[in-house]
Amino acid sequence: MAQADRTKSTVKMLFWLLVSGGLVFYMVHTYRSGQMIHWYYYTASVDGYAVNARAFIDATPERPARLAIVPAAVIDGLQAVPVQAGGRLPRGANGVIAMRELEAGRRVALDSAANTISVMVPSEIKEQKGFKYKDTYKHKGIRTNPWAGLWNVAIVLGLGLSLGLLAEGITDFCGLKIEKLDHVIGH
């Protein structure tokens, strides 16, 4: 292999290695920082209280979880933040307890004197159209950001393209020349 070809293949490999590494770092950073989750849990689709459903998953009627109703930009632990339909969810929220659930009082109850919400049944098995499913407050009452899905597809396509070009750069660097098969029908 000539020196110019070797230099060109080295630069190609290193460039796509940096691009691929940068995309992987960016994806991991957006996940670890909570940005991806904040994009997914975007706005409330009903009036109610934004909650982190993982915080009270082990509540029972004998030991209900008590959520403090607080106005906050970030939900930390057993907190509930009032939200309106179409309003932005606070960070850390992954569901909304709707006002109609509070009015029914079967799974959750509002104690306005203590400014708390008691969660007695965080999940239950329901049946609809012949299918049984676990009904929890996670993913409930939210509207996702439509641009988050497009961002996800763009990142995956960019990563796939950069990894493919990185593989091509590695084969050029190693001096491997893979010839394409000529598929001719009828011969």
N, C-alpha and C. Protein backbone atom coordinates (compact mmCIF):
# COMPACT_ATOMS: atom_id res chain seq x y z
N MET A 1 0.85 -1.16 0.00
CA MET A 1 0.00 0.00 0.00
C MET A 1 0.90 1.23 0.00
N ALA A 2 0.57 2.20 -0.84
CA ALA A 2 1.35 3.43 -0.93
C ALA A 2 1.16 4.26 0.33
N GLN A 3 2.15 5.12 0.59
CA GLN A 3 2.11 5.95 1.81
C GLN A 3 0.90 6.88 1.81
N ALA A 4 0.54 7.45 0.65
CA ALA A 4 -0.60 8.36 0.58
C ALA A 4 -1.90 7.62 0.90
N ASP A 5 -2.02 6.37 0.40
CA ASP A 5 -3.22 5.58 0.69
C ASP A 5 -3.28 5.21 2.17
N ARG A 6 -2.12 4.91 2.74
CA ARG A 6 -2.06 4.55 4.16
C ARG A 6 -2.47 5.73 5.04
N THR A 7 -1.99 6.92 4.71
CA THR A 7 -2.33 8.13 5.46
C THR A 7 -3.83 8.43 5.33
N LYS A 8 -4.34 8.30 4.11
CA LYS A 8 -5.75 8.56 3.87
C LYS A 8 -6.64 7.59 4.66
N SER A 9 -6.27 6.32 4.67
CA SER A 9 -7.08 5.33 5.40
C SER A 9 -6.97 5.53 6.91
N THR A 10 -5.81 5.98 7.40
CA THR A 10 -5.64 6.26 8.83
C THR A 10 -6.52 7.44 9.25
N VAL A 11 -6.50 8.50 8.46
CA VAL A 11 -7.32 9.68 8.76
C VAL A 11 -8.80 9.32 8.71
N LYS A 12 -9.19 8.54 7.71
CA LYS A 12 -10.59 8.12 7.58
C LYS A 12 -11.03 7.32 8.80
N MET A 13 -10.20 6.36 9.22
CA MET A 13 -10.53 5.53 10.36
C MET A 13 -10.63 6.37 11.64
N LEU A 14 -9.65 7.25 11.87
CA LEU A 14 -9.65 8.07 13.08
C LEU A 14 -10.82 9.05 13.10
N PHE A 15 -11.14 9.62 11.94
CA PHE A 15 -12.27 10.56 11.87
C PHE A 15 -13.57 9.87 12.26
N TRP A 16 -13.85 8.71 11.67
CA TRP A 16 -15.11 8.02 11.97
C TRP A 16 -15.10 7.41 13.37
N LEU A 17 -13.92 7.11 13.89
CA LEU A 17 -13.84 6.66 15.28
C LEU A 17 -14.23 7.79 16.22
N LEU A 18 -13.75 9.01 15.95
CA LEU A 18 -14.11 10.16 16.78
C LEU A 18 -15.60 10.51 16.65
N VAL A 19 -16.14 10.45 15.43
CA VAL A 19 -17.56 10.76 15.23
C VAL A 19 -18.42 9.72 15.96
N SER A 20 -18.10 8.43 15.82
CA SER A 20 -18.86 7.37 16.49
C SER A 20 -18.75 7.50 18.00
N GLY A 21 -17.55 7.72 18.50
CA GLY A 21 -17.35 7.90 19.93
C GLY A 21 -18.10 9.11 20.46
N GLY A 22 -18.09 10.20 19.70
CA GLY A 22 -18.83 11.41 20.10
C GLY A 22 -20.32 11.16 20.17
N LEU A 23 -20.87 10.43 19.19
CA LEU A 23 -22.30 10.12 19.21
C LEU A 23 -22.65 9.21 20.38
N VAL A 24 -21.82 8.22 20.65
CA VAL A 24 -22.08 7.33 21.79
C VAL A 24 -22.01 8.13 23.09
N PHE A 25 -21.01 8.99 23.22
CA PHE A 25 -20.90 9.83 24.43
C PHE A 25 -22.13 10.71 24.58
N TYR A 26 -22.58 11.33 23.49
CA TYR A 26 -23.75 12.21 23.52
C TYR A 26 -25.00 11.44 23.93
N MET A 27 -25.19 10.24 23.38
CA MET A 27 -26.35 9.42 23.74
C MET A 27 -26.32 9.04 25.22
N VAL A 28 -25.17 8.60 25.71
CA VAL A 28 -25.05 8.21 27.11
C VAL A 28 -25.27 9.43 28.01
N HIS A 29 -24.72 10.57 27.62
CA HIS A 29 -24.88 11.79 28.41
C HIS A 29 -26.35 12.22 28.49
N THR A 30 -27.07 12.20 27.37
CA THR A 30 -28.47 12.61 27.40
C THR A 30 -29.32 11.65 28.22
N TYR A 31 -28.94 10.37 28.23
CA TYR A 31 -29.67 9.41 29.06
C TYR A 31 -29.35 9.61 30.53
N ARG A 32 -28.04 9.68 30.87
CA ARG A 32 -27.63 9.79 32.28
C ARG A 32 -28.06 11.11 32.91
N SER A 33 -28.11 12.18 32.11
CA SER A 33 -28.50 13.48 32.65
C SER A 33 -30.01 13.59 32.85
N GLY A 34 -30.76 12.66 32.29
CA GLY A 34 -32.22 12.69 32.41
C GLY A 34 -32.90 13.44 31.28
N GLN A 35 -32.13 13.94 30.32
CA GLN A 35 -32.72 14.71 29.22
C GLN A 35 -33.66 13.86 28.37
N MET A 36 -33.27 12.62 28.06
CA MET A 36 -34.14 11.74 27.26
C MET A 36 -35.46 11.48 27.97
N ILE A 37 -35.38 11.22 29.26
CA ILE A 37 -36.57 10.93 30.04
C ILE A 37 -37.45 12.18 30.13
N HIS A 38 -36.83 13.34 30.27
CA HIS A 38 -37.59 14.59 30.35
C HIS A 38 -38.28 14.88 29.03
N TRP A 39 -37.67 14.50 27.92
CA TRP A 39 -38.32 14.67 26.61
C TRP A 39 -39.49 13.70 26.47
N TYR A 40 -39.34 12.48 26.98
CA TYR A 40 -40.41 11.51 26.84
C TYR A 40 -41.61 11.91 27.70
N TYR A 41 -41.38 12.17 28.98
CA TYR A 41 -42.45 12.60 29.87
C TYR A 41 -42.55 14.11 29.74
N TYR A 42 -43.29 14.56 28.74
CA TYR A 42 -43.23 15.95 28.30
C TYR A 42 -44.31 16.84 28.92
N THR A 43 -45.58 16.57 28.63
CA THR A 43 -46.66 17.38 29.15
C THR A 43 -47.77 16.50 29.73
N ALA A 44 -48.61 17.11 30.52
CA ALA A 44 -49.75 16.39 31.10
C ALA A 44 -50.90 16.38 30.09
N SER A 45 -51.58 15.26 29.99
CA SER A 45 -52.74 15.19 29.09
C SER A 45 -54.05 15.35 29.87
N VAL A 46 -53.97 15.37 31.20
CA VAL A 46 -55.15 15.55 32.05
C VAL A 46 -54.77 16.47 33.22
N ASP A 47 -55.79 17.06 33.84
CA ASP A 47 -55.57 17.83 35.07
C ASP A 47 -55.33 16.84 36.21
N GLY A 48 -54.37 17.16 37.07
CA GLY A 48 -54.10 16.28 38.19
C GLY A 48 -52.79 16.62 38.87
N TYR A 49 -52.10 15.57 39.30
CA TYR A 49 -50.85 15.74 40.03
C TYR A 49 -49.76 14.89 39.39
N ALA A 50 -48.66 15.52 39.00
CA ALA A 50 -47.52 14.80 38.43
C ALA A 50 -46.79 14.08 39.56
N VAL A 51 -46.43 12.81 39.32
CA VAL A 51 -45.79 11.99 40.34
C VAL A 51 -44.66 11.16 39.71
N ASN A 52 -43.79 10.65 40.57
CA ASN A 52 -42.82 9.63 40.19
C ASN A 52 -43.39 8.32 40.69
N ALA A 53 -43.97 7.52 39.78
CA ALA A 53 -44.68 6.30 40.17
C ALA A 53 -43.76 5.25 40.78
N ARG A 54 -42.47 5.31 40.50
CA ARG A 54 -41.54 4.35 41.10
C ARG A 54 -41.39 4.57 42.60
N ALA A 55 -41.67 5.78 43.07
CA ALA A 55 -41.47 6.09 44.48
C ALA A 55 -42.49 5.41 45.39
N PHE A 56 -43.65 5.04 44.86
CA PHE A 56 -44.69 4.44 45.72
C PHE A 56 -45.18 3.10 45.18
N ILE A 57 -44.36 2.39 44.48
CA ILE A 57 -44.76 1.12 43.89
C ILE A 57 -45.07 0.05 44.94
N ASP A 58 -44.51 0.18 46.14
CA ASP A 58 -44.72 -0.83 47.18
C ASP A 58 -45.83 -0.45 48.18
N ALA A 59 -46.64 0.56 47.86
CA ALA A 59 -47.73 0.97 48.75
C ALA A 59 -48.83 -0.08 48.76
N THR A 60 -49.50 -0.20 49.90
CA THR A 60 -50.62 -1.14 50.05
C THR A 60 -51.75 -0.41 50.80
N PRO A 61 -52.97 -0.97 50.78
CA PRO A 61 -54.04 -0.33 51.57
C PRO A 61 -53.73 -0.26 53.07
N GLU A 62 -52.95 -1.24 53.56
CA GLU A 62 -52.56 -1.22 54.97
C GLU A 62 -51.47 -0.19 55.25
N ARG A 63 -50.57 0.00 54.29
CA ARG A 63 -49.47 0.96 54.40
C ARG A 63 -49.47 1.88 53.18
N PRO A 64 -50.39 2.83 53.11
CA PRO A 64 -50.43 3.71 51.93
C PRO A 64 -49.24 4.66 51.90
N ALA A 65 -48.85 5.02 50.69
CA ALA A 65 -47.78 6.02 50.52
C ALA A 65 -48.43 7.39 50.57
N ARG A 66 -47.82 8.30 51.31
CA ARG A 66 -48.35 9.66 51.44
C ARG A 66 -47.45 10.59 50.63
N LEU A 67 -48.05 11.19 49.60
CA LEU A 67 -47.32 12.11 48.73
C LEU A 67 -47.61 13.55 49.17
N ALA A 68 -46.55 14.30 49.43
CA ALA A 68 -46.71 15.71 49.80
C ALA A 68 -47.00 16.52 48.53
N ILE A 69 -48.03 17.33 48.57
CA ILE A 69 -48.37 18.17 47.42
C ILE A 69 -47.55 19.45 47.53
N VAL A 70 -46.64 19.62 46.58
CA VAL A 70 -45.73 20.77 46.59
C VAL A 70 -45.60 21.32 45.17
N PRO A 71 -45.48 22.62 45.04
CA PRO A 71 -45.14 23.17 43.72
C PRO A 71 -43.62 23.07 43.55
N ALA A 72 -43.16 22.27 42.60
CA ALA A 72 -41.73 22.06 42.43
C ALA A 72 -41.39 21.87 40.96
N ALA A 73 -40.16 22.17 40.61
CA ALA A 73 -39.68 21.96 39.24
C ALA A 73 -39.08 20.57 39.08
N VAL A 74 -38.74 19.93 40.21
CA VAL A 74 -38.17 18.59 40.19
C VAL A 74 -38.87 17.76 41.26
N ILE A 75 -39.35 16.57 40.86
CA ILE A 75 -39.98 15.67 41.83
C ILE A 75 -38.90 14.80 42.44
N ASP A 76 -38.84 14.81 43.76
CA ASP A 76 -37.84 14.02 44.47
C ASP A 76 -38.55 13.19 45.54
N GLY A 77 -38.71 11.89 45.27
CA GLY A 77 -39.33 11.01 46.25
C GLY A 77 -40.84 11.08 46.24
N LEU A 78 -41.41 11.09 47.44
CA LEU A 78 -42.86 11.05 47.61
C LEU A 78 -43.45 12.45 47.54
N GLN A 79 -43.51 12.99 46.33
CA GLN A 79 -44.06 14.32 46.10
C GLN A 79 -45.07 14.25 44.97
N ALA A 80 -46.02 15.16 44.98
CA ALA A 80 -47.00 15.33 43.91
C ALA A 80 -47.03 16.82 43.56
N VAL A 81 -46.96 17.11 42.27
CA VAL A 81 -46.94 18.50 41.81
C VAL A 81 -48.21 18.75 40.98
N PRO A 82 -49.00 19.77 41.35
CA PRO A 82 -50.21 20.06 40.58
C PRO A 82 -49.87 20.47 39.14
N VAL A 83 -50.59 19.87 38.17
CA VAL A 83 -50.40 20.20 36.76
C VAL A 83 -51.76 20.33 36.08
N GLN A 84 -51.78 21.13 35.04
CA GLN A 84 -52.97 21.31 34.21
C GLN A 84 -52.75 20.56 32.89
N ALA A 85 -53.82 20.18 32.24
CA ALA A 85 -53.71 19.51 30.94
C ALA A 85 -52.98 20.44 29.97
N GLY A 86 -51.95 19.90 29.32
CA GLY A 86 -51.13 20.68 28.40
C GLY A 86 -49.94 21.35 29.06
N GLY A 87 -49.89 21.33 30.39
CA GLY A 87 -48.77 21.94 31.12
C GLY A 87 -47.55 21.04 31.13
N ARG A 88 -46.39 21.65 31.19
CA ARG A 88 -45.12 20.92 31.21
C ARG A 88 -44.98 20.15 32.52
N LEU A 89 -44.51 18.90 32.42
CA LEU A 89 -44.28 18.09 33.62
C LEU A 89 -42.94 18.46 34.26
N PRO A 90 -42.86 18.40 35.57
CA PRO A 90 -41.57 18.66 36.22
C PRO A 90 -40.60 17.50 35.99
N ARG A 91 -39.32 17.77 36.14
CA ARG A 91 -38.32 16.71 36.02
C ARG A 91 -38.58 15.65 37.08
N GLY A 92 -38.37 14.40 36.71
CA GLY A 92 -38.57 13.30 37.63
C GLY A 92 -39.98 12.73 37.60
N ALA A 93 -40.90 13.40 36.91
CA ALA A 93 -42.28 12.89 36.81
C ALA A 93 -42.35 11.84 35.72
N ASN A 94 -43.08 10.76 36.00
CA ASN A 94 -43.28 9.75 34.97
C ASN A 94 -44.74 9.33 34.88
N GLY A 95 -45.63 10.11 35.46
CA GLY A 95 -47.06 9.84 35.38
C GLY A 95 -47.85 10.95 36.05
N VAL A 96 -49.16 10.89 35.83
CA VAL A 96 -50.06 11.89 36.41
C VAL A 96 -51.23 11.16 37.06
N ILE A 97 -51.51 11.51 38.31
CA ILE A 97 -52.72 11.03 38.97
C ILE A 97 -53.82 12.02 38.61
N ALA A 98 -54.80 11.55 37.84
CA ALA A 98 -55.86 12.42 37.34
C ALA A 98 -56.83 12.80 38.45
N MET A 99 -57.47 13.94 38.28
CA MET A 99 -58.45 14.42 39.26
C MET A 99 -59.61 13.43 39.39
N ARG A 100 -60.00 12.79 38.29
CA ARG A 100 -61.12 11.84 38.36
C ARG A 100 -60.76 10.63 39.22
N GLU A 101 -59.47 10.24 39.26
CA GLU A 101 -59.03 9.15 40.15
C GLU A 101 -59.15 9.58 41.60
N LEU A 102 -58.79 10.82 41.88
CA LEU A 102 -58.88 11.34 43.25
C LEU A 102 -60.34 11.46 43.69
N GLU A 103 -61.20 11.87 42.77
CA GLU A 103 -62.62 11.99 43.10
C GLU A 103 -63.25 10.63 43.35
N ALA A 104 -62.79 9.59 42.62
CA ALA A 104 -63.32 8.24 42.82
C ALA A 104 -62.89 7.72 44.20
N GLY A 105 -61.67 8.03 44.60
CA GLY A 105 -61.18 7.66 45.93
C GLY A 105 -60.94 6.18 46.16
N ARG A 106 -60.91 5.39 45.10
CA ARG A 106 -60.73 3.95 45.26
C ARG A 106 -59.25 3.56 45.37
N ARG A 107 -58.42 4.11 44.52
CA ARG A 107 -56.99 3.78 44.54
C ARG A 107 -56.16 4.84 45.25
N VAL A 108 -56.60 6.07 45.15
CA VAL A 108 -55.89 7.21 45.76
C VAL A 108 -56.90 8.11 46.44
N ALA A 109 -56.44 8.85 47.45
CA ALA A 109 -57.32 9.76 48.18
C ALA A 109 -56.59 11.06 48.46
N LEU A 110 -57.31 12.16 48.29
CA LEU A 110 -56.76 13.49 48.54
C LEU A 110 -57.13 13.92 49.95
N ASP A 111 -56.12 14.32 50.73
CA ASP A 111 -56.35 14.85 52.07
C ASP A 111 -55.96 16.32 52.01
N SER A 112 -56.94 17.17 51.73
CA SER A 112 -56.65 18.59 51.55
C SER A 112 -56.23 19.27 52.84
N ALA A 113 -56.65 18.76 54.00
CA ALA A 113 -56.25 19.35 55.27
C ALA A 113 -54.75 19.17 55.51
N ALA A 114 -54.22 17.97 55.20
CA ALA A 114 -52.80 17.70 55.38
C ALA A 114 -51.99 18.00 54.13
N ASN A 115 -52.68 18.39 53.05
CA ASN A 115 -52.02 18.70 51.77
C ASN A 115 -51.21 17.51 51.27
N THR A 116 -51.85 16.33 51.32
CA THR A 116 -51.20 15.10 50.86
C THR A 116 -52.16 14.28 50.01
N ILE A 117 -51.57 13.34 49.28
CA ILE A 117 -52.32 12.34 48.53
C ILE A 117 -51.89 10.98 49.06
N SER A 118 -52.86 10.15 49.44
CA SER A 118 -52.56 8.80 49.90
C SER A 118 -52.77 7.83 48.75
N VAL A 119 -51.76 7.06 48.45
CA VAL A 119 -51.84 6.05 47.39
C VAL A 119 -51.99 4.70 48.06
N MET A 120 -53.16 4.09 47.87
CA MET A 120 -53.42 2.78 48.49
C MET A 120 -53.16 1.63 47.52
N VAL A 121 -53.50 1.81 46.25
CA VAL A 121 -53.35 0.76 45.24
C VAL A 121 -52.56 1.34 44.07
N PRO A 122 -51.23 1.19 44.09
CA PRO A 122 -50.42 1.77 43.01
C PRO A 122 -50.57 1.05 41.67
N SER A 123 -50.98 -0.23 41.71
CA SER A 123 -51.19 -0.96 40.46
C SER A 123 -52.27 -2.01 40.67
N GLU A 124 -52.96 -2.30 39.58
CA GLU A 124 -53.98 -3.34 39.62
C GLU A 124 -54.08 -3.98 38.25
N ILE A 125 -54.55 -5.23 38.23
CA ILE A 125 -54.73 -5.95 36.99
C ILE A 125 -56.12 -5.63 36.45
N LYS A 126 -56.17 -5.17 35.20
CA LYS A 126 -57.45 -4.85 34.55
C LYS A 126 -57.57 -5.68 33.29
N GLU A 127 -58.79 -5.75 32.78
CA GLU A 127 -59.03 -6.47 31.53
C GLU A 127 -59.81 -5.55 30.60
N GLN A 128 -59.36 -5.52 29.36
CA GLN A 128 -60.03 -4.71 28.35
C GLN A 128 -59.92 -5.41 27.01
N LYS A 129 -61.03 -5.59 26.34
CA LYS A 129 -61.09 -6.25 25.04
C LYS A 129 -60.44 -7.63 25.07
N GLY A 130 -60.61 -8.34 26.16
CA GLY A 130 -60.08 -9.70 26.27
C GLY A 130 -58.62 -9.79 26.69
N PHE A 131 -57.96 -8.66 26.93
CA PHE A 131 -56.56 -8.67 27.34
C PHE A 131 -56.43 -8.16 28.76
N LYS A 132 -55.61 -8.83 29.55
CA LYS A 132 -55.33 -8.38 30.91
C LYS A 132 -54.04 -7.56 30.87
N TYR A 133 -54.01 -6.51 31.67
CA TYR A 133 -52.82 -5.66 31.75
C TYR A 133 -52.71 -5.08 33.15
N LYS A 134 -51.50 -4.67 33.48
CA LYS A 134 -51.22 -4.07 34.78
C LYS A 134 -51.37 -2.55 34.64
N ASP A 135 -52.34 -2.00 35.34
CA ASP A 135 -52.62 -0.57 35.29
C ASP A 135 -51.88 0.11 36.44
N THR A 136 -50.88 0.91 36.10
CA THR A 136 -50.12 1.68 37.09
C THR A 136 -50.23 3.16 36.76
N TYR A 137 -49.64 3.99 37.57
CA TYR A 137 -49.63 5.42 37.29
C TYR A 137 -48.46 5.82 36.41
N LYS A 138 -47.54 4.92 36.17
CA LYS A 138 -46.42 5.22 35.28
C LYS A 138 -46.94 5.30 33.85
N HIS A 139 -46.53 6.27 33.12
CA HIS A 139 -46.93 6.55 31.73
C HIS A 139 -48.37 7.02 31.62
N LYS A 140 -49.07 7.16 32.71
CA LYS A 140 -50.48 7.50 32.68
C LYS A 140 -50.65 9.02 32.73
N GLY A 141 -51.53 9.54 31.90
CA GLY A 141 -51.84 10.97 31.92
C GLY A 141 -50.77 11.86 31.35
N ILE A 142 -49.91 11.31 30.48
CA ILE A 142 -48.84 12.12 29.90
C ILE A 142 -49.00 12.20 28.39
N ARG A 143 -48.38 13.20 27.81
CA ARG A 143 -48.29 13.35 26.36
C ARG A 143 -46.80 13.50 26.05
N THR A 144 -46.30 12.66 25.18
CA THR A 144 -44.86 12.69 24.86
C THR A 144 -44.55 13.80 23.86
N ASN A 145 -43.29 14.19 23.82
CA ASN A 145 -42.81 15.18 22.87
C ASN A 145 -42.64 14.49 21.52
N PRO A 146 -43.36 14.92 20.48
CA PRO A 146 -43.23 14.24 19.19
C PRO A 146 -41.84 14.38 18.58
N TRP A 147 -41.12 15.44 18.90
CA TRP A 147 -39.78 15.63 18.35
C TRP A 147 -38.77 14.68 19.00
N ALA A 148 -39.07 14.16 20.19
CA ALA A 148 -38.16 13.23 20.85
C ALA A 148 -38.03 11.95 20.04
N GLY A 149 -39.11 11.47 19.44
CA GLY A 149 -39.04 10.28 18.60
C GLY A 149 -38.21 10.52 17.36
N LEU A 150 -38.35 11.70 16.74
CA LEU A 150 -37.55 12.04 15.57
C LEU A 150 -36.08 12.14 15.94
N TRP A 151 -35.80 12.74 17.10
CA TRP A 151 -34.42 12.85 17.57
C TRP A 151 -33.81 11.46 17.75
N ASN A 152 -34.58 10.55 18.33
CA ASN A 152 -34.11 9.19 18.57
C ASN A 152 -33.78 8.49 17.25
N VAL A 153 -34.65 8.60 16.26
CA VAL A 153 -34.41 7.98 14.96
C VAL A 153 -33.17 8.59 14.31
N ALA A 154 -33.03 9.92 14.37
CA ALA A 154 -31.87 10.59 13.77
C ALA A 154 -30.57 10.13 14.42
N ILE A 155 -30.56 10.01 15.74
CA ILE A 155 -29.35 9.58 16.44
C ILE A 155 -29.00 8.13 16.07
N VAL A 156 -30.00 7.26 16.02
CA VAL A 156 -29.74 5.86 15.68
C VAL A 156 -29.23 5.74 14.24
N LEU A 157 -29.83 6.49 13.31
CA LEU A 157 -29.35 6.47 11.92
C LEU A 157 -27.92 7.03 11.83
N GLY A 158 -27.67 8.13 12.53
CA GLY A 158 -26.32 8.71 12.52
C GLY A 158 -25.29 7.75 13.10
N LEU A 159 -25.65 7.08 14.18
CA LEU A 159 -24.73 6.13 14.79
C LEU A 159 -24.49 4.94 13.86
N GLY A 160 -25.54 4.45 13.23
CA GLY A 160 -25.38 3.33 12.29
C GLY A 160 -24.51 3.70 11.12
N LEU A 161 -24.72 4.89 10.57
CA LEU A 161 -23.91 5.35 9.45
C LEU A 161 -22.44 5.53 9.86
N SER A 162 -22.22 6.16 11.01
CA SER A 162 -20.84 6.40 11.45
C SER A 162 -20.12 5.08 11.78
N LEU A 163 -20.81 4.12 12.37
CA LEU A 163 -20.18 2.82 12.66
C LEU A 163 -19.89 2.05 11.37
N GLY A 164 -20.78 2.16 10.39
CA GLY A 164 -20.53 1.52 9.10
C GLY A 164 -19.32 2.12 8.41
N LEU A 165 -19.22 3.44 8.44
CA LEU A 165 -18.06 4.09 7.82
C LEU A 165 -16.79 3.84 8.63
N LEU A 166 -16.92 3.69 9.95
CA LEU A 166 -15.77 3.32 10.77
C LEU A 166 -15.27 1.92 10.37
N ALA A 167 -16.19 0.99 10.17
CA ALA A 167 -15.80 -0.36 9.75
C ALA A 167 -15.11 -0.32 8.39
N GLU A 168 -15.60 0.51 7.50
CA GLU A 168 -14.95 0.65 6.19
C GLU A 168 -13.55 1.25 6.35
N GLY A 169 -13.41 2.22 7.26
CA GLY A 169 -12.10 2.82 7.50
C GLY A 169 -11.12 1.81 8.10
N ILE A 170 -11.61 0.94 8.99
CA ILE A 170 -10.74 -0.08 9.59
C ILE A 170 -10.28 -1.07 8.53
N THR A 171 -11.19 -1.49 7.65
CA THR A 171 -10.78 -2.43 6.59
C THR A 171 -9.79 -1.78 5.64
N ASP A 172 -9.96 -0.50 5.34
CA ASP A 172 -8.98 0.20 4.50
C ASP A 172 -7.64 0.31 5.21
N PHE A 173 -7.68 0.60 6.52
CA PHE A 173 -6.45 0.74 7.30
C PHE A 173 -5.68 -0.59 7.35
N CYS A 174 -6.42 -1.68 7.50
CA CYS A 174 -5.79 -3.00 7.57
C CYS A 174 -5.38 -3.53 6.20
N GLY A 175 -5.78 -2.85 5.15
CA GLY A 175 -5.41 -3.28 3.80
C GLY A 175 -6.31 -4.37 3.25
N LEU A 176 -7.44 -4.57 3.86
CA LEU A 176 -8.37 -5.59 3.37
C LEU A 176 -9.22 -4.97 2.26
N LYS A 177 -9.27 -5.64 1.15
CA LYS A 177 -10.10 -5.17 0.06
C LYS A 177 -11.16 -6.23 -0.19
N ILE A 178 -12.35 -5.96 0.24
CA ILE A 178 -13.44 -6.91 0.08
C ILE A 178 -14.14 -6.57 -1.23
N GLU A 179 -14.10 -7.54 -2.14
CA GLU A 179 -14.72 -7.31 -3.44
C GLU A 179 -16.19 -7.71 -3.36
N LYS A 180 -17.00 -6.89 -3.97
CA LYS A 180 -18.42 -7.15 -3.98
C LYS A 180 -18.71 -8.29 -4.96
N LEU A 181 -19.68 -9.10 -4.59
CA LEU A 181 -20.12 -10.18 -5.46
C LEU A 181 -21.00 -9.62 -6.55
N ASP A 182 -20.81 -10.11 -7.74
CA ASP A 182 -21.64 -9.67 -8.86
C ASP A 182 -22.77 -10.67 -9.02
N HIS A 183 -23.94 -10.26 -8.68
CA HIS A 183 -25.11 -11.14 -8.76
C HIS A 183 -25.79 -10.93 -10.10
N VAL A 184 -25.65 -11.92 -10.96
CA VAL A 184 -26.27 -11.84 -12.27
C VAL A 184 -27.31 -12.95 -12.35
N ILE A 185 -28.51 -12.59 -12.69
CA ILE A 185 -29.58 -13.58 -12.76
C ILE A 185 -29.58 -14.20 -14.15
N GLY A 186 -29.66 -15.51 -14.21
CA GLY A 186 -29.77 -16.21 -15.47
C GLY A 186 -28.46 -16.75 -16.01
N HIS A 187 -27.38 -16.62 -15.32
CA HIS A 187 -26.09 -17.17 -15.79
C HIS A 187 -25.59 -18.23 -14.91
